[in-house]
Amino acid sequence: MIGTQLTLSVQLADAASFENFHGGPNAATAAALRLLAEEGGEASILLHGAGGSGKTHLLQAVARTATQRRRRAAYLPLAQFGPADAGALQGFEKLDVLCLDDVDSALLDRHWALLLLRLIDAVHAHGGGCLLSASAAPDSLPLAPLPDLRTRLAACAVFGLRPLGDTELRSLLRKRAHLRGLELPEEVAEFMLRRLPRSVPALLAALDLLDRESLSTQRRLTIPFAQQVLKALVVAPAPAPTAAQKAPG
C-alpha cells in the first residue's frame, strides 16, 4: 500500500511506461529493468546517464509496472529531499522494488548517505530489489567517507544510457506523433532536430506544443508553422567561421 500511495503522491508521468520508452541503443537496458519490475531480476541495479537521457522515465516505468503486477513498489525522487527529511525514507524496507532517483544528491552528506545505505540493506534483507539512478557510474561518483556505501554501489549491476542518434530521435518523434494522431512531415522533424536543443525532453515538449497549436488552429505541420510556434525554443545555428578563424595558427 505504501508503494502505491507514494507513486501517486509524486505523480508518475502518464508517459512513463516501457511502451513509451524508445529503446534504440538502450533496448537491452530497458529489458533488464522490465525484468526487475516484473520478476525481480538483479538485486540492485544502478542506471546512469546525462540529464534528459531517460533515467526518471525508466525508474517510474519500473515502479508503475511492478505495482500493476501487484508487487510492492515505490519511486522516491531523492533530489526533492534532504538530510532533514529522514522520515521520507521510513516505511519502505519491505518493498519488492524500490526506485531511488538522483542518488547523487544523497551521497555527499554522511548522515543522509548512511540512511540511504541502511534502507538499501533493509530492502535486500527482505528479498527486494533496488533500482538507483545517478549521473555517472559508481567509480565516478563523489561519496561520503562510508566504505560500505562504495561497496554496495560497486556490487550493483551497472547500466549506462547512451544518447539517441539522429535516426533514433526521428523515429521517436514520429512514434509519439503517430500516437497522438498527428502527421509529422519529415522536413518538420528535421527542422526540430537541427534547431531545437537535442534532448529527448526538449524535443517531446516541442512536439506537445505543436500538437496543441495544430489542434487549436486546425493547421497542418509545416516548417513556417513550426518556426512560428517554436520560435521561443529555437537555438540559433552556430556562426560560420571567419577567414581569420580558418587561417592556420
Protein backbone atom coordinates (compact mmCIF):
# COMPACT_ATOMS: atom_id res chain seq x y z
CA MET A 1 0.00 0.00 0.00
CA ILE A 2 2.84 2.38 0.82
CA GLY A 3 4.34 1.92 -2.64
CA THR A 4 1.05 2.71 -4.34
CA GLN A 5 0.48 5.77 -2.16
CA LEU A 6 3.96 7.11 -2.81
CA THR A 7 3.92 6.64 -6.55
CA LEU A 8 0.63 8.51 -6.63
CA SER A 9 1.90 11.26 -4.35
CA VAL A 10 4.87 12.06 -6.61
CA GLN A 11 2.61 11.94 -9.69
CA LEU A 12 4.20 9.45 -12.03
CA ALA A 13 4.18 10.87 -15.52
CA ASP A 14 1.45 9.38 -17.73
CA ALA A 15 4.02 8.68 -20.46
CA ALA A 16 6.43 6.93 -18.08
CA SER A 17 5.98 3.37 -19.29
CA PHE A 18 8.10 0.80 -21.09
CA GLU A 19 5.76 1.01 -24.06
CA ASN A 20 6.51 4.73 -24.44
CA PHE A 21 10.26 4.38 -24.00
CA HIS A 22 12.17 4.45 -27.26
CA GLY A 23 14.93 1.95 -26.60
CA GLY A 24 17.26 2.42 -29.55
CA PRO A 25 20.78 1.69 -28.24
CA ASN A 26 19.27 1.25 -24.75
CA ALA A 27 16.88 -1.59 -25.59
CA ALA A 28 18.85 -4.18 -23.58
CA THR A 29 18.88 -1.85 -20.55
CA ALA A 30 15.11 -1.36 -20.76
CA ALA A 31 14.65 -5.15 -20.96
CA ALA A 32 16.73 -5.68 -17.80
CA LEU A 33 14.69 -3.07 -15.95
CA ARG A 34 11.41 -4.60 -17.10
CA LEU A 35 12.62 -7.92 -15.71
CA LEU A 36 13.32 -6.23 -12.38
CA ALA A 37 9.80 -4.75 -12.37
CA GLU A 38 8.01 -7.96 -13.32
CA GLU A 39 10.03 -10.76 -11.76
CA GLY A 40 12.75 -9.39 -9.51
CA GLY A 41 15.85 -9.59 -11.70
CA GLU A 42 19.09 -8.25 -10.22
CA ALA A 43 19.10 -7.43 -6.51
CA SER A 44 20.47 -3.97 -7.27
CA ILE A 45 20.81 -2.01 -10.50
CA LEU A 46 22.44 1.39 -10.92
CA LEU A 47 21.33 3.32 -14.00
CA HIS A 48 23.44 6.29 -15.04
CA GLY A 49 23.29 8.86 -17.80
CA ALA A 50 23.22 12.54 -18.57
CA GLY A 51 20.25 14.74 -17.75
CA GLY A 52 17.38 14.09 -20.15
CA SER A 53 18.63 10.62 -21.09
CA GLY A 54 15.53 8.88 -19.73
CA LYS A 55 16.55 7.79 -16.23
CA THR A 56 13.46 9.16 -14.49
CA HIS A 57 11.20 7.78 -17.22
CA LEU A 58 12.60 4.29 -16.70
CA LEU A 59 12.52 4.41 -12.89
CA GLN A 60 8.89 5.49 -12.98
CA ALA A 61 8.12 2.82 -15.58
CA VAL A 62 9.59 0.19 -13.23
CA ALA A 63 7.53 1.47 -10.28
CA ARG A 64 4.35 1.56 -12.37
CA THR A 65 4.86 -1.89 -13.92
CA ALA A 66 5.72 -3.52 -10.59
CA THR A 67 2.62 -2.01 -8.96
CA GLN A 68 0.44 -3.21 -11.86
CA ARG A 69 1.84 -6.69 -11.24
CA ARG A 70 0.64 -6.37 -7.63
CA ARG A 71 4.18 -6.13 -6.35
CA ARG A 72 5.03 -3.66 -3.59
CA ALA A 73 6.90 -0.82 -5.27
CA ALA A 74 7.77 2.81 -4.73
CA TYR A 75 9.52 5.64 -6.53
CA LEU A 76 11.49 8.18 -4.48
CA PRO A 77 12.93 11.33 -6.13
CA LEU A 78 15.82 11.92 -3.72
CA ALA A 79 16.65 15.34 -5.17
CA GLN A 80 13.42 16.58 -3.58
CA PHE A 81 14.54 15.51 -0.11
CA GLY A 82 17.47 16.21 2.18
CA PRO A 83 19.00 15.14 5.50
CA ALA A 84 16.24 16.95 7.37
CA ASP A 85 13.68 14.71 5.64
CA ALA A 86 14.84 11.47 7.23
CA GLY A 87 11.23 10.38 7.66
CA ALA A 88 10.88 10.23 3.89
CA LEU A 89 12.97 7.04 3.88
CA GLN A 90 10.91 5.24 6.51
CA GLY A 91 8.35 2.56 5.74
CA PHE A 92 9.85 1.21 2.53
CA GLU A 93 12.02 -1.57 3.94
CA LYS A 94 9.75 -4.45 2.90
CA LEU A 95 9.16 -3.43 -0.70
CA ASP A 96 9.66 -5.76 -3.65
CA VAL A 97 11.09 -2.94 -5.77
CA LEU A 98 12.41 0.41 -4.57
CA CYS A 99 13.34 3.01 -7.22
CA LEU A 100 15.65 5.74 -5.92
CA ASP A 101 16.12 8.60 -8.39
CA ASP A 102 19.07 11.03 -8.27
CA VAL A 103 21.08 9.22 -5.62
CA ASP A 104 23.89 11.71 -6.33
CA SER A 105 22.02 14.20 -4.18
CA ALA A 106 22.32 11.92 -1.14
CA LEU A 107 25.88 10.65 -1.41
CA LEU A 108 27.97 13.55 -0.11
CA ASP A 109 26.19 14.12 3.21
CA ARG A 110 27.37 11.35 5.55
CA HIS A 111 24.17 11.17 7.63
CA TRP A 112 21.89 11.13 4.59
CA ALA A 113 24.09 8.57 2.82
CA LEU A 114 24.04 6.33 5.91
CA LEU A 115 20.22 6.41 5.96
CA LEU A 116 20.20 5.51 2.29
CA LEU A 117 22.64 2.65 2.85
CA ARG A 118 20.53 1.24 5.69
CA LEU A 119 17.39 1.42 3.55
CA ILE A 120 19.02 -0.42 0.64
CA ASP A 121 20.29 -3.12 3.02
CA ALA A 122 16.83 -3.48 4.59
CA VAL A 123 15.14 -3.90 1.20
CA HIS A 124 17.66 -6.58 0.25
CA ALA A 125 17.22 -8.33 3.60
CA HIS A 126 13.52 -8.80 2.81
CA GLY A 127 14.24 -10.15 -0.67
CA GLY A 128 13.52 -6.95 -2.56
CA GLY A 129 15.47 -5.21 -5.28
CA CYS A 130 16.65 -1.62 -5.66
CA LEU A 131 16.98 0.49 -8.79
CA LEU A 132 19.19 3.56 -8.37
CA SER A 133 19.81 6.37 -10.82
CA ALA A 134 22.83 8.65 -10.91
CA SER A 135 24.58 11.00 -13.30
CA ALA A 136 27.68 8.80 -13.55
CA ALA A 137 28.95 5.28 -12.97
CA PRO A 138 29.75 4.31 -9.34
CA ASP A 139 33.52 4.75 -9.66
CA SER A 140 33.00 8.36 -10.81
CA LEU A 141 30.55 9.42 -8.11
CA PRO A 142 31.74 11.60 -5.20
CA LEU A 143 30.81 9.79 -2.00
CA ALA A 144 30.73 10.46 1.72
CA PRO A 145 33.51 8.61 3.62
CA LEU A 146 31.49 5.41 4.04
CA PRO A 147 33.37 2.33 2.77
CA ASP A 148 30.21 0.20 2.92
CA LEU A 149 28.41 2.63 0.62
CA ARG A 150 31.09 2.35 -2.06
CA THR A 151 30.96 -1.44 -1.68
CA ARG A 152 27.17 -1.52 -2.18
CA LEU A 153 27.33 0.69 -5.26
CA ALA A 154 30.18 -1.34 -6.73
CA ALA A 155 28.08 -4.50 -6.28
CA CYS A 156 25.25 -3.11 -8.42
CA ALA A 157 24.64 -4.23 -11.97
CA VAL A 158 25.52 -1.03 -13.82
CA PHE A 159 23.80 0.18 -16.98
CA GLY A 160 24.68 3.41 -18.76
CA LEU A 161 22.13 5.12 -21.00
CA ARG A 162 23.55 6.11 -24.37
CA PRO A 163 22.23 9.19 -26.20
CA LEU A 164 19.95 8.65 -29.18
CA GLY A 165 21.35 9.44 -32.62
CA ASP A 166 19.53 11.33 -35.36
CA THR A 167 17.84 8.23 -36.75
CA GLU A 168 16.53 7.21 -33.32
CA LEU A 169 15.38 10.74 -32.47
CA ARG A 170 13.44 10.96 -35.75
CA SER A 171 11.88 7.58 -35.04
CA LEU A 172 10.94 8.68 -31.53
CA LEU A 173 9.30 11.88 -32.78
CA ARG A 174 7.36 10.00 -35.47
CA LYS A 175 6.21 7.37 -32.98
CA ARG A 176 5.00 9.94 -30.46
CA ALA A 177 3.31 11.97 -33.21
CA HIS A 178 1.58 8.84 -34.51
CA LEU A 179 0.27 8.00 -31.04
CA ARG A 180 -1.32 11.45 -30.98
CA GLY A 181 -2.83 11.05 -34.43
CA LEU A 182 -0.52 13.83 -35.61
CA GLU A 183 1.13 13.83 -39.03
CA LEU A 184 4.75 14.89 -38.66
CA PRO A 185 6.35 15.56 -42.06
CA GLU A 186 9.97 14.55 -42.46
CA GLU A 187 11.08 18.13 -43.09
CA VAL A 188 9.46 19.33 -39.85
CA ALA A 189 11.14 16.54 -37.88
CA GLU A 190 14.45 17.55 -39.47
CA PHE A 191 13.84 21.20 -38.54
CA MET A 192 13.21 20.19 -34.93
CA LEU A 193 16.42 18.15 -34.77
CA ARG A 194 18.52 20.91 -36.28
CA ARG A 195 17.11 23.92 -34.48
CA LEU A 196 15.99 22.71 -31.04
CA PRO A 197 18.03 21.55 -28.02
CA ARG A 198 18.99 17.94 -28.72
CA SER A 199 17.48 16.35 -25.65
CA VAL A 200 14.52 13.99 -25.60
CA PRO A 201 12.54 16.04 -23.03
CA ALA A 202 13.03 19.25 -25.07
CA LEU A 203 12.00 17.60 -28.33
CA LEU A 204 8.92 15.95 -26.80
CA ALA A 205 7.90 19.23 -25.14
CA ALA A 206 8.16 20.91 -28.54
CA LEU A 207 6.04 18.16 -30.09
CA ASP A 208 3.42 18.67 -27.36
CA LEU A 209 3.33 22.37 -28.18
CA LEU A 210 3.00 21.73 -31.92
CA ASP A 211 0.18 19.27 -31.27
CA ARG A 212 -1.77 21.73 -29.11
CA GLU A 213 -1.34 24.62 -31.55
CA SER A 214 -2.18 22.45 -34.54
CA LEU A 215 -5.41 21.33 -32.89
CA SER A 216 -6.42 24.83 -31.80
CA THR A 217 -5.69 26.46 -35.17
CA GLN A 218 -6.59 23.46 -37.35
CA ARG A 219 -3.34 23.89 -39.29
CA ARG A 220 -1.06 21.22 -40.71
CA LEU A 221 2.51 20.96 -39.52
CA THR A 222 4.76 22.85 -41.91
CA ILE A 223 8.16 24.43 -41.39
CA PRO A 224 6.71 28.01 -41.31
CA PHE A 225 4.12 26.87 -38.76
CA ALA A 226 6.79 25.11 -36.65
CA GLN A 227 9.02 28.20 -36.84
CA GLN A 228 6.17 30.37 -35.60
CA VAL A 229 5.08 28.07 -32.78
CA LEU A 230 8.58 27.12 -31.61
CA LYS A 231 10.33 30.46 -32.10
CA ALA A 232 10.98 30.84 -28.36
CA LEU A 233 12.68 27.43 -28.27
CA VAL A 234 14.76 27.61 -31.43
CA VAL A 235 18.51 27.64 -30.96
CA ALA A 236 20.42 29.90 -33.35
CA PRO A 237 22.76 27.97 -35.65
CA ALA A 238 26.45 28.35 -34.92
CA PRO A 239 28.01 31.18 -36.99
CA ALA A 240 30.28 30.22 -39.85
CA PRO A 241 33.98 30.63 -39.04
CA THR A 242 35.57 33.86 -40.23
CA ALA A 243 38.59 33.98 -42.54
CA ALA A 244 40.81 34.73 -39.55
CA GLN A 245 39.43 31.68 -37.70
CA LYS A 246 40.03 29.47 -40.73
CA ALA A 247 43.63 30.62 -41.14
CA PRO A 248 46.21 28.25 -39.63
CA GLY A 249 47.76 29.49 -36.42
